[in-house]
Amino acid sequence: MNTGSDEPGEVAVAGDKARTDRPEAGQEAERGLGSRAPEFIKARRLLHLSWQVGVFVVGLAVVAAGIVMLPLPGPGWVVIFGGMAIWATEFVWAQLVLRWTKRKVTEAAQRALDPRVRRRNITLTAIGLVIIGVLAGIYLWKFGIVMPWKIKDQ
């Protein structure tokens, strides 16, 4: 537990990590939740509400484009998470969703690098490919290759 600090701008919080008023390099993940709108916008309620509506609409457009890209060619999930990042600049719920997603992706990457899991995945992939090859061979043996077009020998 942090009880104090010699650096200016740091505040000790009981049971929590020390937080600073000014984020430094590498400390972006430790930022508090909430709006990242400029102070002059946050100071005026109507302007801040307009800002939030604008951020929501832009984020919604990006997320909608990502959803359209899921069945169509394009980086659908990347665009969806980009829209969530836009929302996270203003909305706490989106910041929490992104933090949870980053944590889960990191955990999945660590599990995927585990040697036992990699061996299991390689083994299952090899077995699947053998099964698909055998089934394709049986199909070709039974039905042969039929071309969808007619080419007559001359």
N, C-alpha and C. Protein backbone atom coordinates (compact mmCIF):
# COMPACT_ATOMS: atom_id res chain seq x y z
N MET A 1 0.85 -1.17 0.00
CA MET A 1 0.00 0.00 0.00
C MET A 1 0.89 1.22 0.00
N ASN A 2 0.58 2.18 -0.84
CA ASN A 2 1.34 3.41 -0.93
C ASN A 2 0.85 4.40 0.12
N THR A 3 1.78 4.96 0.85
CA THR A 3 1.38 5.94 1.87
C THR A 3 1.81 7.35 1.52
N GLY A 4 2.66 7.47 0.55
CA GLY A 4 3.11 8.81 0.16
C GLY A 4 4.11 8.74 -0.95
N SER A 5 4.48 9.89 -1.46
CA SER A 5 5.43 9.94 -2.56
C SER A 5 6.18 11.25 -2.50
N ASP A 6 7.41 11.22 -3.01
CA ASP A 6 8.21 12.44 -3.04
C ASP A 6 7.93 13.27 -4.28
N GLU A 7 7.30 12.67 -5.30
CA GLU A 7 7.09 13.39 -6.55
C GLU A 7 5.84 14.25 -6.47
N PRO A 8 5.92 15.47 -7.03
CA PRO A 8 4.73 16.32 -7.04
C PRO A 8 3.69 15.78 -8.01
N GLY A 9 2.42 16.01 -7.69
CA GLY A 9 1.35 15.60 -8.58
C GLY A 9 0.84 14.21 -8.28
N GLU A 10 1.46 13.48 -7.35
CA GLU A 10 0.99 12.14 -7.02
C GLU A 10 0.13 12.20 -5.78
N VAL A 11 -0.89 11.39 -5.78
CA VAL A 11 -1.80 11.32 -4.66
C VAL A 11 -1.84 9.88 -4.19
N ALA A 12 -1.67 9.65 -2.92
CA ALA A 12 -1.73 8.31 -2.37
C ALA A 12 -3.19 7.97 -2.08
N VAL A 13 -3.60 6.80 -2.54
CA VAL A 13 -4.96 6.35 -2.31
C VAL A 13 -4.88 5.06 -1.52
N ALA A 14 -5.60 4.98 -0.41
CA ALA A 14 -5.55 3.80 0.45
C ALA A 14 -6.01 2.58 -0.32
N GLY A 15 -5.19 1.51 -0.32
CA GLY A 15 -5.54 0.27 -0.98
C GLY A 15 -5.49 0.33 -2.50
N ASP A 16 -4.97 1.38 -3.06
CA ASP A 16 -4.93 1.53 -4.51
C ASP A 16 -3.53 1.98 -4.91
N LYS A 17 -3.23 1.89 -6.19
CA LYS A 17 -1.95 2.36 -6.69
C LYS A 17 -1.94 3.88 -6.66
N ALA A 18 -0.77 4.45 -6.57
CA ALA A 18 -0.65 5.91 -6.60
C ALA A 18 -1.02 6.40 -7.99
N ARG A 19 -1.82 7.44 -8.06
CA ARG A 19 -2.24 8.00 -9.33
C ARG A 19 -1.70 9.41 -9.44
N THR A 20 -1.47 9.82 -10.66
CA THR A 20 -0.97 11.17 -10.86
C THR A 20 -2.03 12.01 -11.55
N ASP A 21 -1.88 13.32 -11.40
CA ASP A 21 -2.79 14.23 -12.07
C ASP A 21 -2.44 14.34 -13.55
N ARG A 22 -1.20 14.15 -13.87
CA ARG A 22 -0.75 14.24 -15.26
C ARG A 22 -0.19 12.89 -15.69
N PRO A 23 -0.81 12.24 -16.69
CA PRO A 23 -0.31 10.94 -17.13
C PRO A 23 1.01 11.08 -17.86
N GLU A 24 1.92 10.16 -17.58
CA GLU A 24 3.22 10.14 -18.23
C GLU A 24 3.25 8.99 -19.23
N ALA A 25 4.35 8.88 -19.96
CA ALA A 25 4.49 7.82 -20.95
C ALA A 25 4.39 6.46 -20.26
N GLY A 26 3.64 5.54 -20.84
CA GLY A 26 3.48 4.21 -20.29
C GLY A 26 2.45 4.14 -19.17
N GLN A 27 1.85 5.24 -18.83
CA GLN A 27 0.91 5.26 -17.72
C GLN A 27 -0.53 5.40 -18.22
N GLU A 28 -0.73 5.32 -19.52
CA GLU A 28 -2.04 5.55 -20.09
C GLU A 28 -3.05 4.51 -19.59
N ALA A 29 -2.60 3.27 -19.34
CA ALA A 29 -3.50 2.22 -18.87
C ALA A 29 -3.96 2.50 -17.44
N GLU A 30 -3.23 3.30 -16.69
CA GLU A 30 -3.56 3.59 -15.31
C GLU A 30 -4.47 4.81 -15.16
N ARG A 31 -4.85 5.43 -16.26
CA ARG A 31 -5.72 6.61 -16.21
C ARG A 31 -7.03 6.26 -15.53
N GLY A 32 -7.62 7.25 -14.92
CA GLY A 32 -8.93 7.05 -14.34
C GLY A 32 -9.99 6.97 -15.42
N LEU A 33 -11.17 6.50 -15.02
CA LEU A 33 -12.26 6.39 -15.98
C LEU A 33 -12.95 7.73 -16.14
N GLY A 34 -13.58 7.92 -17.26
CA GLY A 34 -14.35 9.14 -17.46
C GLY A 34 -14.01 9.81 -18.78
N SER A 35 -14.61 10.96 -18.95
CA SER A 35 -14.48 11.72 -20.20
C SER A 35 -13.07 12.23 -20.41
N ARG A 36 -12.62 12.17 -21.67
CA ARG A 36 -11.32 12.71 -22.01
C ARG A 36 -11.48 13.96 -22.89
N ALA A 37 -12.66 14.56 -22.80
CA ALA A 37 -12.92 15.78 -23.57
C ALA A 37 -12.06 16.91 -22.99
N PRO A 38 -11.71 17.89 -23.81
CA PRO A 38 -10.95 19.04 -23.30
C PRO A 38 -11.72 19.75 -22.19
N GLU A 39 -10.97 20.39 -21.31
CA GLU A 39 -11.59 21.03 -20.13
C GLU A 39 -12.59 22.11 -20.50
N PHE A 40 -12.32 22.89 -21.56
CA PHE A 40 -13.26 23.95 -21.91
C PHE A 40 -14.59 23.37 -22.39
N ILE A 41 -14.58 22.14 -22.92
CA ILE A 41 -15.83 21.49 -23.32
C ILE A 41 -16.55 20.94 -22.09
N LYS A 42 -15.79 20.33 -21.18
CA LYS A 42 -16.41 19.78 -19.96
C LYS A 42 -17.00 20.88 -19.08
N ALA A 43 -16.48 22.08 -19.18
CA ALA A 43 -16.95 23.18 -18.33
C ALA A 43 -18.34 23.66 -18.72
N ARG A 44 -18.74 23.43 -19.95
CA ARG A 44 -20.05 23.88 -20.42
C ARG A 44 -20.93 22.66 -20.65
N ARG A 45 -22.01 22.54 -19.90
CA ARG A 45 -22.85 21.35 -19.92
C ARG A 45 -23.42 21.06 -21.31
N LEU A 46 -23.98 22.05 -21.97
CA LEU A 46 -24.59 21.83 -23.28
C LEU A 46 -23.53 21.43 -24.31
N LEU A 47 -22.37 22.07 -24.26
CA LEU A 47 -21.30 21.73 -25.18
C LEU A 47 -20.79 20.31 -24.92
N HIS A 48 -20.71 19.94 -23.64
CA HIS A 48 -20.24 18.60 -23.30
C HIS A 48 -21.25 17.55 -23.76
N LEU A 49 -22.53 17.83 -23.58
CA LEU A 49 -23.56 16.90 -24.05
C LEU A 49 -23.50 16.75 -25.57
N SER A 50 -23.31 17.86 -26.27
CA SER A 50 -23.17 17.81 -27.73
C SER A 50 -21.94 17.00 -28.12
N TRP A 51 -20.86 17.19 -27.40
CA TRP A 51 -19.62 16.44 -27.64
C TRP A 51 -19.88 14.94 -27.48
N GLN A 52 -20.59 14.57 -26.40
CA GLN A 52 -20.88 13.16 -26.15
C GLN A 52 -21.76 12.57 -27.25
N VAL A 53 -22.76 13.32 -27.70
CA VAL A 53 -23.62 12.84 -28.78
C VAL A 53 -22.79 12.64 -30.05
N GLY A 54 -21.91 13.58 -30.35
CA GLY A 54 -21.05 13.46 -31.53
C GLY A 54 -20.14 12.24 -31.45
N VAL A 55 -19.51 12.03 -30.28
CA VAL A 55 -18.65 10.87 -30.10
C VAL A 55 -19.45 9.58 -30.24
N PHE A 56 -20.67 9.57 -29.68
CA PHE A 56 -21.50 8.38 -29.77
C PHE A 56 -21.87 8.08 -31.22
N VAL A 57 -22.25 9.10 -31.97
CA VAL A 57 -22.66 8.89 -33.36
C VAL A 57 -21.49 8.41 -34.21
N VAL A 58 -20.33 9.02 -34.04
CA VAL A 58 -19.15 8.59 -34.81
C VAL A 58 -18.77 7.15 -34.43
N GLY A 59 -18.76 6.84 -33.13
CA GLY A 59 -18.46 5.48 -32.70
C GLY A 59 -19.47 4.48 -33.22
N LEU A 60 -20.76 4.86 -33.22
CA LEU A 60 -21.81 3.98 -33.74
C LEU A 60 -21.61 3.72 -35.23
N ALA A 61 -21.24 4.74 -35.99
CA ALA A 61 -21.00 4.56 -37.42
C ALA A 61 -19.84 3.60 -37.66
N VAL A 62 -18.79 3.72 -36.87
CA VAL A 62 -17.62 2.84 -37.03
C VAL A 62 -17.98 1.42 -36.64
N VAL A 63 -18.70 1.24 -35.53
CA VAL A 63 -19.11 -0.10 -35.10
C VAL A 63 -20.04 -0.72 -36.15
N ALA A 64 -20.98 0.06 -36.67
CA ALA A 64 -21.89 -0.45 -37.71
C ALA A 64 -21.11 -0.88 -38.96
N ALA A 65 -20.11 -0.10 -39.35
CA ALA A 65 -19.28 -0.48 -40.49
C ALA A 65 -18.55 -1.79 -40.20
N GLY A 66 -18.08 -1.95 -38.98
CA GLY A 66 -17.40 -3.20 -38.61
C GLY A 66 -18.35 -4.39 -38.65
N ILE A 67 -19.59 -4.18 -38.21
CA ILE A 67 -20.57 -5.27 -38.25
C ILE A 67 -20.88 -5.66 -39.69
N VAL A 68 -20.96 -4.66 -40.57
CA VAL A 68 -21.18 -4.95 -41.99
C VAL A 68 -20.00 -5.73 -42.55
N MET A 69 -18.79 -5.42 -42.08
CA MET A 69 -17.59 -6.08 -42.60
C MET A 69 -17.44 -7.52 -42.09
N LEU A 70 -18.19 -7.92 -41.07
CA LEU A 70 -18.04 -9.29 -40.58
C LEU A 70 -18.33 -10.32 -41.67
N PRO A 71 -19.49 -10.26 -42.36
CA PRO A 71 -19.70 -11.24 -43.43
C PRO A 71 -19.05 -10.84 -44.75
N LEU A 72 -18.75 -9.57 -44.92
CA LEU A 72 -18.13 -9.10 -46.16
C LEU A 72 -16.61 -9.00 -45.98
N PRO A 73 -15.88 -8.86 -47.07
CA PRO A 73 -14.43 -8.70 -46.94
C PRO A 73 -14.08 -7.42 -46.18
N GLY A 74 -13.16 -7.55 -45.27
CA GLY A 74 -12.72 -6.40 -44.49
C GLY A 74 -12.40 -6.80 -43.06
N PRO A 75 -11.68 -5.98 -42.36
CA PRO A 75 -11.28 -6.29 -40.98
C PRO A 75 -12.40 -5.95 -39.98
N GLY A 76 -13.47 -6.73 -39.98
CA GLY A 76 -14.65 -6.43 -39.18
C GLY A 76 -14.37 -6.23 -37.70
N TRP A 77 -13.72 -7.19 -37.06
CA TRP A 77 -13.49 -7.10 -35.61
C TRP A 77 -12.57 -5.94 -35.26
N VAL A 78 -11.59 -5.68 -36.09
CA VAL A 78 -10.68 -4.57 -35.83
C VAL A 78 -11.44 -3.25 -35.87
N VAL A 79 -12.33 -3.11 -36.84
CA VAL A 79 -13.12 -1.88 -36.96
C VAL A 79 -14.10 -1.76 -35.79
N ILE A 80 -14.69 -2.86 -35.38
CA ILE A 80 -15.61 -2.82 -34.23
C ILE A 80 -14.87 -2.35 -32.98
N PHE A 81 -13.69 -2.90 -32.74
CA PHE A 81 -12.92 -2.48 -31.56
C PHE A 81 -12.42 -1.04 -31.72
N GLY A 82 -12.21 -0.60 -32.95
CA GLY A 82 -11.88 0.80 -33.17
C GLY A 82 -13.04 1.71 -32.77
N GLY A 83 -14.26 1.31 -33.12
CA GLY A 83 -15.44 2.07 -32.69
C GLY A 83 -15.59 2.07 -31.18
N MET A 84 -15.29 0.94 -30.55
CA MET A 84 -15.33 0.88 -29.09
C MET A 84 -14.28 1.81 -28.48
N ALA A 85 -13.13 1.91 -29.13
CA ALA A 85 -12.09 2.82 -28.64
C ALA A 85 -12.55 4.27 -28.76
N ILE A 86 -13.26 4.58 -29.83
CA ILE A 86 -13.81 5.94 -29.97
C ILE A 86 -14.79 6.21 -28.84
N TRP A 87 -15.68 5.25 -28.56
CA TRP A 87 -16.63 5.42 -27.46
C TRP A 87 -15.90 5.55 -26.13
N ALA A 88 -14.79 4.81 -25.98
CA ALA A 88 -14.06 4.81 -24.71
C ALA A 88 -13.41 6.16 -24.41
N THR A 89 -13.29 7.03 -25.40
CA THR A 89 -12.76 8.36 -25.11
C THR A 89 -13.73 9.18 -24.28
N GLU A 90 -15.00 8.75 -24.25
CA GLU A 90 -16.01 9.56 -23.57
C GLU A 90 -16.86 8.79 -22.56
N PHE A 91 -17.04 7.48 -22.74
CA PHE A 91 -17.99 6.73 -21.93
C PHE A 91 -17.29 5.69 -21.06
N VAL A 92 -17.63 5.66 -19.78
CA VAL A 92 -17.01 4.75 -18.83
C VAL A 92 -17.31 3.30 -19.20
N TRP A 93 -18.53 2.99 -19.59
CA TRP A 93 -18.88 1.60 -19.92
C TRP A 93 -18.01 1.06 -21.04
N ALA A 94 -17.69 1.88 -22.03
CA ALA A 94 -16.83 1.44 -23.14
C ALA A 94 -15.39 1.25 -22.66
N GLN A 95 -14.94 2.10 -21.74
CA GLN A 95 -13.60 1.94 -21.18
C GLN A 95 -13.50 0.62 -20.42
N LEU A 96 -14.55 0.27 -19.67
CA LEU A 96 -14.54 -0.99 -18.93
C LEU A 96 -14.57 -2.19 -19.88
N VAL A 97 -15.36 -2.09 -20.95
CA VAL A 97 -15.41 -3.18 -21.94
C VAL A 97 -14.05 -3.36 -22.59
N LEU A 98 -13.39 -2.26 -22.96
CA LEU A 98 -12.07 -2.37 -23.59
C LEU A 98 -11.03 -2.94 -22.64
N ARG A 99 -11.07 -2.52 -21.38
CA ARG A 99 -10.12 -3.08 -20.41
C ARG A 99 -10.33 -4.58 -20.26
N TRP A 100 -11.60 -5.01 -20.17
CA TRP A 100 -11.91 -6.43 -20.04
C TRP A 100 -11.43 -7.19 -21.28
N THR A 101 -11.67 -6.61 -22.47
CA THR A 101 -11.27 -7.25 -23.72
C THR A 101 -9.75 -7.37 -23.80
N LYS A 102 -9.04 -6.32 -23.45
CA LYS A 102 -7.57 -6.37 -23.47
C LYS A 102 -7.05 -7.45 -22.53
N ARG A 103 -7.67 -7.54 -21.35
CA ARG A 103 -7.25 -8.55 -20.37
C ARG A 103 -7.49 -9.96 -20.92
N LYS A 104 -8.65 -10.19 -21.53
CA LYS A 104 -8.97 -11.52 -22.07
C LYS A 104 -8.08 -11.88 -23.25
N VAL A 105 -7.78 -10.91 -24.12
CA VAL A 105 -6.91 -11.18 -25.26
C VAL A 105 -5.50 -11.51 -24.78
N THR A 106 -5.02 -10.79 -23.77
CA THR A 106 -3.70 -11.07 -23.22
C THR A 106 -3.66 -12.47 -22.60
N GLU A 107 -4.70 -12.82 -21.86
CA GLU A 107 -4.76 -14.16 -21.26
C GLU A 107 -4.79 -15.24 -22.35
N ALA A 108 -5.57 -15.03 -23.41
CA ALA A 108 -5.64 -16.01 -24.50
C ALA A 108 -4.30 -16.15 -25.21
N ALA A 109 -3.60 -15.03 -25.39
CA ALA A 109 -2.28 -15.09 -26.03
C ALA A 109 -1.29 -15.87 -25.16
N GLN A 110 -1.36 -15.67 -23.85
CA GLN A 110 -0.47 -16.41 -22.95
C GLN A 110 -0.79 -17.90 -22.98
N ARG A 111 -2.09 -18.23 -23.01
CA ARG A 111 -2.47 -19.65 -23.07
C ARG A 111 -2.03 -20.27 -24.39
N ALA A 112 -2.14 -19.51 -25.49
CA ALA A 112 -1.76 -20.04 -26.80
C ALA A 112 -0.26 -20.31 -26.88
N LEU A 113 0.53 -19.58 -26.11
CA LEU A 113 1.98 -19.77 -26.13
C LEU A 113 2.43 -20.91 -25.22
N ASP A 114 1.52 -21.46 -24.43
CA ASP A 114 1.86 -22.59 -23.56
C ASP A 114 2.23 -23.80 -24.43
N PRO A 115 3.39 -24.42 -24.20
CA PRO A 115 3.83 -25.52 -25.07
C PRO A 115 2.84 -26.69 -25.12
N ARG A 116 2.20 -27.03 -24.01
CA ARG A 116 1.25 -28.15 -24.02
C ARG A 116 0.04 -27.82 -24.90
N VAL A 117 -0.45 -26.58 -24.81
CA VAL A 117 -1.59 -26.17 -25.62
C VAL A 117 -1.21 -26.15 -27.09
N ARG A 118 -0.02 -25.67 -27.40
CA ARG A 118 0.43 -25.64 -28.80
C ARG A 118 0.53 -27.05 -29.36
N ARG A 119 1.09 -28.01 -28.58
CA ARG A 119 1.18 -29.39 -29.04
C ARG A 119 -0.21 -29.98 -29.28
N ARG A 120 -1.14 -29.70 -28.37
CA ARG A 120 -2.50 -30.20 -28.52
C ARG A 120 -3.15 -29.63 -29.76
N ASN A 121 -2.99 -28.32 -29.99
CA ASN A 121 -3.59 -27.69 -31.16
C ASN A 121 -3.00 -28.22 -32.46
N ILE A 122 -1.69 -28.42 -32.49
CA ILE A 122 -1.04 -28.96 -33.69
C ILE A 122 -1.53 -30.38 -33.94
N THR A 123 -1.64 -31.20 -32.88
CA THR A 123 -2.12 -32.57 -33.02
C THR A 123 -3.54 -32.60 -33.54
N LEU A 124 -4.43 -31.79 -32.96
CA LEU A 124 -5.82 -31.76 -33.41
C LEU A 124 -5.93 -31.26 -34.85
N THR A 125 -5.11 -30.30 -35.23
CA THR A 125 -5.12 -29.81 -36.61
C THR A 125 -4.66 -30.91 -37.57
N ALA A 126 -3.62 -31.63 -37.21
CA ALA A 126 -3.12 -32.70 -38.06
C ALA A 126 -4.18 -33.80 -38.21
N ILE A 127 -4.83 -34.17 -37.12
CA ILE A 127 -5.89 -35.20 -37.18
C ILE A 127 -7.03 -34.71 -38.06
N GLY A 128 -7.43 -33.45 -37.90
CA GLY A 128 -8.50 -32.90 -38.73
C GLY A 128 -8.15 -32.91 -40.20
N LEU A 129 -6.92 -32.53 -40.54
CA LEU A 129 -6.49 -32.54 -41.94
C LEU A 129 -6.46 -33.95 -42.51
N VAL A 130 -6.06 -34.94 -41.72
CA VAL A 130 -6.06 -36.33 -42.19
C VAL A 130 -7.49 -36.78 -42.45
N ILE A 131 -8.42 -36.45 -41.54
CA ILE A 131 -9.83 -36.84 -41.73
C ILE A 131 -10.39 -36.19 -42.99
N ILE A 132 -10.13 -34.90 -43.19
CA ILE A 132 -10.61 -34.20 -44.38
C ILE A 132 -10.00 -34.82 -45.65
N GLY A 133 -8.72 -35.16 -45.61
CA GLY A 133 -8.07 -35.80 -46.76
C GLY A 133 -8.67 -37.15 -47.08
N VAL A 134 -8.94 -37.95 -46.07
CA VAL A 134 -9.55 -39.27 -46.29
C VAL A 134 -10.94 -39.11 -46.88
N LEU A 135 -11.75 -38.19 -46.31
CA LEU A 135 -13.10 -37.98 -46.83
C LEU A 135 -13.06 -37.48 -48.27
N ALA A 136 -12.15 -36.58 -48.60
CA ALA A 136 -12.03 -36.08 -49.96
C ALA A 136 -11.60 -37.21 -50.89
N GLY A 137 -10.69 -38.07 -50.45
CA GLY A 137 -10.26 -39.21 -51.26
C GLY A 137 -11.40 -40.17 -51.52
N ILE A 138 -12.22 -40.45 -50.50
CA ILE A 138 -13.37 -41.35 -50.68
C ILE A 138 -14.35 -40.74 -51.67
N TYR A 139 -14.62 -39.45 -51.56
CA TYR A 139 -15.55 -38.77 -52.47
C TYR A 139 -15.03 -38.85 -53.91
N LEU A 140 -13.75 -38.54 -54.11
CA LEU A 140 -13.18 -38.59 -55.45
C LEU A 140 -13.18 -40.01 -56.01
N TRP A 141 -12.92 -41.02 -55.18
CA TRP A 141 -12.90 -42.42 -55.62
C TRP A 141 -14.30 -42.84 -56.05
N LYS A 142 -15.31 -42.38 -55.29
CA LYS A 142 -16.68 -42.79 -55.57
C LYS A 142 -17.30 -42.01 -56.73
N PHE A 143 -17.09 -40.69 -56.78
CA PHE A 143 -17.77 -39.86 -57.77
C PHE A 143 -16.85 -39.28 -58.84
N GLY A 144 -15.58 -39.24 -58.60
CA GLY A 144 -14.64 -38.68 -59.56
C GLY A 144 -14.73 -37.16 -59.58
N ILE A 145 -14.02 -36.56 -60.53
CA ILE A 145 -14.03 -35.11 -60.66
C ILE A 145 -14.92 -34.76 -61.83
N VAL A 146 -15.94 -33.97 -61.56
CA VAL A 146 -16.85 -33.52 -62.61
C VAL A 146 -16.67 -32.01 -62.74
N MET A 147 -16.29 -31.58 -63.93
CA MET A 147 -16.09 -30.16 -64.17
C MET A 147 -17.43 -29.49 -64.41
N PRO A 148 -17.61 -28.26 -63.95
CA PRO A 148 -18.89 -27.60 -64.14
C PRO A 148 -19.08 -27.06 -65.57
N TRP A 149 -18.12 -27.20 -66.44
CA TRP A 149 -18.24 -26.73 -67.79
C TRP A 149 -17.99 -27.89 -68.76
N LYS A 150 -18.48 -27.75 -69.96
CA LYS A 150 -18.35 -28.79 -70.97
C LYS A 150 -17.23 -28.44 -71.94
N ILE A 151 -16.24 -29.27 -72.01
CA ILE A 151 -15.15 -29.09 -72.97
C ILE A 151 -15.11 -30.35 -73.84
N LYS A 152 -15.37 -30.19 -75.12
CA LYS A 152 -15.36 -31.32 -76.02
C LYS A 152 -13.98 -31.46 -76.65
N ASP A 153 -13.54 -32.68 -76.73
CA ASP A 153 -12.25 -32.94 -77.39
C ASP A 153 -12.42 -32.75 -78.88
N GLN A 154 -11.46 -32.17 -79.54
CA GLN A 154 -11.54 -31.95 -80.98
C GLN A 154 -10.57 -32.79 -81.71
